[in-house]
PDB file of N, CA and C in Angstrom:
ATOM      1  N   PRO A   1    -124.319   6.611 -35.134  1.00  0.00           N
ATOM      2  CA  PRO A   1    -125.532   6.748 -34.339  1.00  0.00           C
ATOM      3  C   PRO A   1    -126.067   5.386 -33.909  1.00  0.00           C
ATOM      4  N   LEU A   2    -126.771   5.403 -32.817  1.00  0.00           N
ATOM      5  CA  LEU A   2    -127.342   4.169 -32.295  1.00  0.00           C
ATOM      6  C   LEU A   2    -128.684   3.877 -32.954  1.00  0.00           C
ATOM      7  N   LYS A   3    -128.966   2.599 -33.071  1.00  0.00           N
ATOM      8  CA  LYS A   3    -130.280   2.193 -33.573  1.00  0.00           C
ATOM      9  C   LYS A   3    -131.290   2.279 -32.433  1.00  0.00           C
ATOM     10  N   ALA A   4    -132.552   2.168 -32.770  1.00  0.00           N
ATOM     11  CA  ALA A   4    -133.615   2.332 -31.768  1.00  0.00           C
ATOM     12  C   ALA A   4    -133.504   1.295 -30.654  1.00  0.00           C
ATOM     13  N   VAL A   5    -133.229   0.062 -31.003  1.00  0.00           N
ATOM     14  CA  VAL A   5    -133.133  -0.996 -29.987  1.00  0.00           C
ATOM     15  C   VAL A   5    -131.931  -0.749 -29.079  1.00  0.00           C
ATOM     16  N   GLN A   6    -130.822  -0.294 -29.650  1.00  0.00           N
ATOM     17  CA  GLN A   6    -129.643   0.008 -28.841  1.00  0.00           C
ATOM     18  C   GLN A   6    -129.919   1.157 -27.878  1.00  0.00           C
ATOM     19  N   MET A   7    -130.640   2.160 -28.346  1.00  0.00           N
ATOM     20  CA  MET A   7    -130.986   3.282 -27.461  1.00  0.00           C
ATOM     21  C   MET A   7    -131.897   2.836 -26.331  1.00  0.00           C
ATOM     22  N   LEU A   8    -132.809   1.926 -26.617  1.00  0.00           N
ATOM     23  CA  LEU A   8    -133.672   1.402 -25.562  1.00  0.00           C
ATOM     24  C   LEU A   8    -132.868   0.640 -24.518  1.00  0.00           C
ATOM     25  N   TRP A   9    -131.894  -0.138 -24.952  1.00  0.00           N
ATOM     26  CA  TRP A   9    -131.055  -0.877 -24.011  1.00  0.00           C
ATOM     27  C   TRP A   9    -130.231   0.070 -23.153  1.00  0.00           C
ATOM     28  N   VAL A  10    -129.666   1.103 -23.758  1.00  0.00           N
ATOM     29  CA  VAL A  10    -128.892   2.084 -22.995  1.00  0.00           C
ATOM     30  C   VAL A  10    -129.795   2.759 -21.973  1.00  0.00           C
ATOM     31  N   ASN A  11    -130.979   3.123 -22.376  1.00  0.00           N
ATOM     32  CA  ASN A  11    -131.938   3.753 -21.475  1.00  0.00           C
ATOM     33  C   ASN A  11    -132.318   2.804 -20.350  1.00  0.00           C
ATOM     34  N   LEU A  12    -132.528   1.550 -20.665  1.00  0.00           N
ATOM     35  CA  LEU A  12    -132.910   0.554 -19.665  1.00  0.00           C
ATOM     36  C   LEU A  12    -131.792   0.336 -18.654  1.00  0.00           C
ATOM     37  N   ILE A  13    -130.551   0.391 -19.096  1.00  0.00           N
ATOM     38  CA  ILE A  13    -129.422   0.151 -18.207  1.00  0.00           C
ATOM     39  C   ILE A  13    -129.100   1.385 -17.370  1.00  0.00           C
ATOM     40  N   MET A  14    -129.176   2.570 -17.948  1.00  0.00           N
ATOM     41  CA  MET A  14    -128.723   3.777 -17.262  1.00  0.00           C
ATOM     42  C   MET A  14    -129.767   4.400 -16.325  1.00  0.00           C
ATOM     43  N   ASP A  15    -131.020   4.321 -16.639  1.00  0.00           N
ATOM     44  CA  ASP A  15    -132.047   4.990 -15.840  1.00  0.00           C
ATOM     45  C   ASP A  15    -132.201   4.468 -14.416  1.00  0.00           C
ATOM     46  N   PRO A  16    -132.160   3.156 -14.168  1.00  0.00           N
ATOM     47  CA  PRO A  16    -132.357   2.704 -12.777  1.00  0.00           C
ATOM     48  C   PRO A  16    -131.316   3.243 -11.805  1.00  0.00           C
ATOM     49  N   PHE A  17    -130.072   3.418 -12.248  1.00  0.00           N
ATOM     50  CA  PHE A  17    -129.033   3.907 -11.341  1.00  0.00           C
ATOM     51  C   PHE A  17    -129.296   5.353 -10.934  1.00  0.00           C
ATOM     52  N   ALA A  18    -129.708   6.178 -11.870  1.00  0.00           N
ATOM     53  CA  ALA A  18    -130.018   7.569 -11.544  1.00  0.00           C
ATOM     54  C   ALA A  18    -131.230   7.638 -10.621  1.00  0.00           C
ATOM     55  N   SER A  19    -132.210   6.817 -10.871  1.00  0.00           N
ATOM     56  CA  SER A  19    -133.401   6.805 -10.020  1.00  0.00           C
ATOM     57  C   SER A  19    -133.057   6.352  -8.608  1.00  0.00           C
ATOM     58  N   LEU A  20    -132.221   5.344  -8.498  1.00  0.00           N
ATOM     59  CA  LEU A  20    -131.824   4.875  -7.171  1.00  0.00           C
ATOM     60  C   LEU A  20    -131.027   5.935  -6.426  1.00  0.00           C
ATOM     61  N   ALA A  21    -130.166   6.645  -7.126  1.00  0.00           N
ATOM     62  CA  ALA A  21    -129.371   7.687  -6.473  1.00  0.00           C
ATOM     63  C   ALA A  21    -130.264   8.778  -5.916  1.00  0.00           C
ATOM     64  N   LEU A  22    -131.316   9.124  -6.629  1.00  0.00           N
ATOM     65  CA  LEU A  22    -132.219  10.171  -6.155  1.00  0.00           C
ATOM     66  C   LEU A  22    -133.193   9.676  -5.096  1.00  0.00           C
ATOM     67  N   ALA A  23    -133.538   8.408  -5.127  1.00  0.00           N
ATOM     68  CA  ALA A  23    -134.595   7.907  -4.258  1.00  0.00           C
ATOM     69  C   ALA A  23    -134.089   7.326  -2.943  1.00  0.00           C
ATOM     70  N   THR A  24    -132.812   7.015  -2.825  1.00  0.00           N
ATOM     71  CA  THR A  24    -132.353   6.312  -1.627  1.00  0.00           C
ATOM     72  C   THR A  24    -132.042   7.237  -0.461  1.00  0.00           C
ATOM     73  N   GLU A  25    -131.804   8.506  -0.703  1.00  0.00           N
ATOM     74  CA  GLU A  25    -131.473   9.412   0.387  1.00  0.00           C
ATOM     75  C   GLU A  25    -132.700  10.229   0.778  1.00  0.00           C
ATOM     76  N   PRO A  26    -133.209  10.019   1.993  1.00  0.00           N
ATOM     77  CA  PRO A  26    -134.405  10.761   2.405  1.00  0.00           C
ATOM     78  C   PRO A  26    -134.055  12.233   2.674  1.00  0.00           C
ATOM     79  N   PRO A  27    -134.977  13.147   2.394  1.00  0.00           N
ATOM     80  CA  PRO A  27    -134.707  14.563   2.651  1.00  0.00           C
ATOM     81  C   PRO A  27    -134.717  14.851   4.154  1.00  0.00           C
ATOM     82  N   SER A  28    -133.810  15.683   4.587  1.00  0.00           N
ATOM     83  CA  SER A  28    -133.781  16.066   5.999  1.00  0.00           C
ATOM     84  C   SER A  28    -134.749  17.238   6.216  1.00  0.00           C
ATOM     85  N   GLU A  29    -135.064  17.477   7.477  1.00  0.00           N
ATOM     86  CA  GLU A  29    -135.983  18.568   7.807  1.00  0.00           C
ATOM     87  C   GLU A  29    -135.380  19.930   7.437  1.00  0.00           C
ATOM     88  N   ALA A  30    -134.070  20.072   7.652  1.00  0.00           N
ATOM     89  CA  ALA A  30    -133.411  21.337   7.318  1.00  0.00           C
ATOM     90  C   ALA A  30    -133.437  21.595   5.818  1.00  0.00           C
ATOM     91  N   LEU A  31    -133.304  20.552   5.036  1.00  0.00           N
ATOM     92  CA  LEU A  31    -133.344  20.709   3.583  1.00  0.00           C
ATOM     93  C   LEU A  31    -134.730  21.141   3.116  1.00  0.00           C
ATOM     94  N   LEU A  32    -135.760  20.609   3.755  1.00  0.00           N
ATOM     95  CA  LEU A  32    -137.123  20.966   3.366  1.00  0.00           C
ATOM     96  C   LEU A  32    -137.501  22.386   3.789  1.00  0.00           C
ATOM     97  N   LEU A  33    -136.850  22.908   4.814  1.00  0.00           N
ATOM     98  CA  LEU A  33    -137.208  24.229   5.322  1.00  0.00           C
ATOM     99  C   LEU A  33    -136.361  25.357   4.753  1.00  0.00           C
ATOM    100  N   ARG A  34    -135.275  25.048   4.043  1.00  0.00           N
ATOM    101  CA  ARG A  34    -134.411  26.122   3.530  1.00  0.00           C
ATOM    102  C   ARG A  34    -135.089  26.865   2.385  1.00  0.00           C
ATOM    103  N   LYS A  35    -134.695  28.111   2.211  1.00  0.00           N
ATOM    104  CA  LYS A  35    -135.269  28.937   1.149  1.00  0.00           C
ATOM    105  C   LYS A  35    -134.664  28.536  -0.199  1.00  0.00           C
ATOM    106  N   PRO A  36    -135.380  28.745  -1.282  1.00  0.00           N
ATOM    107  CA  PRO A  36    -134.840  28.422  -2.610  1.00  0.00           C
ATOM    108  C   PRO A  36    -133.678  29.333  -2.976  1.00  0.00           C
ATOM    109  N   TYR A  37    -132.859  28.856  -3.889  1.00  0.00           N
ATOM    110  CA  TYR A  37    -131.750  29.670  -4.386  1.00  0.00           C
ATOM    111  C   TYR A  37    -132.293  30.776  -5.271  1.00  0.00           C
ATOM    112  N   GLY A  38    -131.555  31.876  -5.341  1.00  0.00           N
ATOM    113  CA  GLY A  38    -131.970  33.002  -6.164  1.00  0.00           C
ATOM    114  C   GLY A  38    -131.775  32.731  -7.649  1.00  0.00           C
ATOM    115  N   ARG A  39    -132.324  33.601  -8.467  1.00  0.00           N
ATOM    116  CA  ARG A  39    -132.226  33.449  -9.922  1.00  0.00           C
ATOM    117  C   ARG A  39    -130.815  33.598 -10.434  1.00  0.00           C
ATOM    118  N   ASN A  40    -130.047  34.425  -9.801  1.00  0.00           N
ATOM    119  CA  ASN A  40    -128.705  34.720 -10.289  1.00  0.00           C
ATOM    120  C   ASN A  40    -127.638  33.797  -9.714  1.00  0.00           C
ATOM    121  N   LYS A  41    -128.019  32.880  -8.862  1.00  0.00           N
ATOM    122  CA  LYS A  41    -127.054  31.939  -8.287  1.00  0.00           C
ATOM    123  C   LYS A  41    -126.687  30.897  -9.334  1.00  0.00           C
ATOM    124  N   PRO A  42    -125.422  30.469  -9.360  1.00  0.00           N
ATOM    125  CA  PRO A  42    -125.023  29.445 -10.329  1.00  0.00           C
ATOM    126  C   PRO A  42    -125.590  28.073  -9.964  1.00  0.00           C
ATOM    127  N   LEU A  43    -125.831  27.240 -10.989  1.00  0.00           N
ATOM    128  CA  LEU A  43    -126.341  25.892 -10.749  1.00  0.00           C
ATOM    129  C   LEU A  43    -125.277  24.991 -10.131  1.00  0.00           C
ATOM    130  N   ILE A  44    -124.035  25.204 -10.529  1.00  0.00           N
ATOM    131  CA  ILE A  44    -122.932  24.393 -10.004  1.00  0.00           C
ATOM    132  C   ILE A  44    -122.111  25.271  -9.076  1.00  0.00           C
ATOM    133  N   SER A  45    -122.080  24.911  -7.809  1.00  0.00           N
ATOM    134  CA  SER A  45    -121.336  25.702  -6.835  1.00  0.00           C
ATOM    135  C   SER A  45    -119.840  25.411  -6.957  1.00  0.00           C
ATOM    136  N   ARG A  46    -119.056  26.162  -6.213  1.00  0.00           N
ATOM    137  CA  ARG A  46    -117.610  25.988  -6.239  1.00  0.00           C
ATOM    138  C   ARG A  46    -117.222  24.602  -5.718  1.00  0.00           C
ATOM    139  N   THR A  47    -117.882  24.156  -4.658  1.00  0.00           N
ATOM    140  CA  THR A  47    -117.593  22.831  -4.098  1.00  0.00           C
ATOM    141  C   THR A  47    -117.950  21.732  -5.086  1.00  0.00           C
ATOM    142  N   MET A  48    -119.089  21.889  -5.753  1.00  0.00           N
ATOM    143  CA  MET A  48    -119.484  20.898  -6.756  1.00  0.00           C
ATOM    144  C   MET A  48    -118.473  20.842  -7.895  1.00  0.00           C
ATOM    145  N   MET A  49    -117.990  22.002  -8.335  1.00  0.00           N
ATOM    146  CA  MET A  49    -117.010  22.044  -9.415  1.00  0.00           C
ATOM    147  C   MET A  49    -115.713  21.357  -9.003  1.00  0.00           C
ATOM    148  N   LYS A  50    -115.275  21.591  -7.770  1.00  0.00           N
ATOM    149  CA  LYS A  50    -114.071  20.926  -7.275  1.00  0.00           C
ATOM    150  C   LYS A  50    -114.262  19.408  -7.261  1.00  0.00           C
ATOM    151  N   ASN A  51    -115.418  18.959  -6.800  1.00  0.00           N
ATOM    152  CA  ASN A  51    -115.691  17.521  -6.755  1.00  0.00           C
ATOM    153  C   ASN A  51    -115.741  16.925  -8.163  1.00  0.00           C
ATOM    154  N   ILE A  52    -116.365  17.622  -9.096  1.00  0.00           N
ATOM    155  CA  ILE A  52    -116.464  17.128 -10.473  1.00  0.00           C
ATOM    156  C   ILE A  52    -115.078  17.020 -11.099  1.00  0.00           C
ATOM    157  N   LEU A  53    -114.283  18.074 -10.962  1.00  0.00           N
ATOM    158  CA  LEU A  53    -112.942  18.065 -11.544  1.00  0.00           C
ATOM    159  C   LEU A  53    -112.043  17.037 -10.858  1.00  0.00           C
ATOM    160  N   GLY A  54    -112.153  16.923  -9.551  1.00  0.00           N
ATOM    161  CA  GLY A  54    -111.369  15.922  -8.822  1.00  0.00           C
ATOM    162  C   GLY A  54    -111.710  14.513  -9.257  1.00  0.00           C
ATOM    163  N   HIS A  55    -112.982  14.242  -9.425  1.00  0.00           N
ATOM    164  CA  HIS A  55    -113.417  12.921  -9.857  1.00  0.00           C
ATOM    165  C   HIS A  55    -112.979  12.646 -11.286  1.00  0.00           C
ATOM    166  N   ALA A  56    -113.017  13.642 -12.147  1.00  0.00           N
ATOM    167  CA  ALA A  56    -112.572  13.477 -13.535  1.00  0.00           C
ATOM    168  C   ALA A  56    -111.082  13.147 -13.583  1.00  0.00           C
ATOM    169  N   VAL A  57    -110.277  13.857 -12.785  1.00  0.00           N
ATOM    170  CA  VAL A  57    -108.839  13.582 -12.739  1.00  0.00           C
ATOM    171  C   VAL A  57    -108.589  12.169 -12.209  1.00  0.00           C
ATOM    172  N   TYR A  58    -109.326  11.786 -11.177  1.00  0.00           N
ATOM    173  CA  TYR A  58    -109.196  10.440 -10.616  1.00  0.00           C
ATOM    174  C   TYR A  58    -109.524   9.373 -11.665  1.00  0.00           C
ATOM    175  N   GLN A  59    -110.628   9.536 -12.375  1.00  0.00           N
ATOM    176  CA  GLN A  59    -111.019   8.557 -13.393  1.00  0.00           C
ATOM    177  C   GLN A  59    -110.015   8.514 -14.533  1.00  0.00           C
ATOM    178  N   LEU A  60    -109.524   9.672 -14.979  1.00  0.00           N
ATOM    179  CA  LEU A  60    -108.523   9.692 -16.045  1.00  0.00           C
ATOM    180  C   LEU A  60    -107.234   9.007 -15.600  1.00  0.00           C
ATOM    181  N   THR A  61    -106.837   9.219 -14.359  1.00  0.00           N
ATOM    182  CA  THR A  61    -105.638   8.569 -13.841  1.00  0.00           C
ATOM    183  C   THR A  61    -105.795   7.048 -13.863  1.00  0.00           C
ATOM    184  N   ILE A  62    -106.925   6.558 -13.398  1.00  0.00           N
ATOM    185  CA  ILE A  62    -107.157   5.112 -13.386  1.00  0.00           C
ATOM    186  C   ILE A  62    -107.201   4.567 -14.808  1.00  0.00           C
ATOM    187  N   ILE A  63    -107.886   5.256 -15.711  1.00  0.00           N
ATOM    188  CA  ILE A  63    -108.012   4.777 -17.095  1.00  0.00           C
ATOM    189  C   ILE A  63    -106.641   4.750 -17.781  1.00  0.00           C
ATOM    190  N   PHE A  64    -105.862   5.820 -17.605  1.00  0.00           N
ATOM    191  CA  PHE A  64    -104.546   5.843 -18.252  1.00  0.00           C
ATOM    192  C   PHE A  64    -103.599   4.824 -17.609  1.00  0.00           C
ATOM    193  N   THR A  65    -103.737   4.569 -16.303  1.00  0.00           N
ATOM    194  CA  THR A  65    -102.921   3.550 -15.649  1.00  0.00           C
ATOM    195  C   THR A  65    -103.244   2.171 -16.228  1.00  0.00           C
ATOM    196  N   LEU A  66    -104.504   1.879 -16.408  1.00  0.00           N
ATOM    197  CA  LEU A  66    -104.900   0.583 -16.983  1.00  0.00           C
ATOM    198  C   LEU A  66    -104.531   0.482 -18.454  1.00  0.00           C
ATOM    199  N   LEU A  67    -104.593   1.599 -19.157  1.00  0.00           N
ATOM    200  CA  LEU A  67    -104.310   1.590 -20.581  1.00  0.00           C
ATOM    201  C   LEU A  67    -102.831   1.424 -20.875  1.00  0.00           C
ATOM    202  N   PHE A  68    -101.989   2.121 -20.125  1.00  0.00           N
ATOM    203  CA  PHE A  68    -100.557   2.072 -20.376  1.00  0.00           C
ATOM    204  C   PHE A  68     -99.881   1.203 -19.350  1.00  0.00           C
TER     205      PHE A  68
END
């Protein structure tokens, strides 16, 4: 487990990147006018899942290439 100071450093390093990712792209008018998703809709869409899995495979390929 991490000590309190180590957790603060991790928080200090990781939070600005997430904030910048959310704050740098302005919302479009179409995004503001669309209706909310329903209760039964999944949080991760099929396209998002493909992107997540594709990125994971890409990162694993690079890591294993550098490792071996």
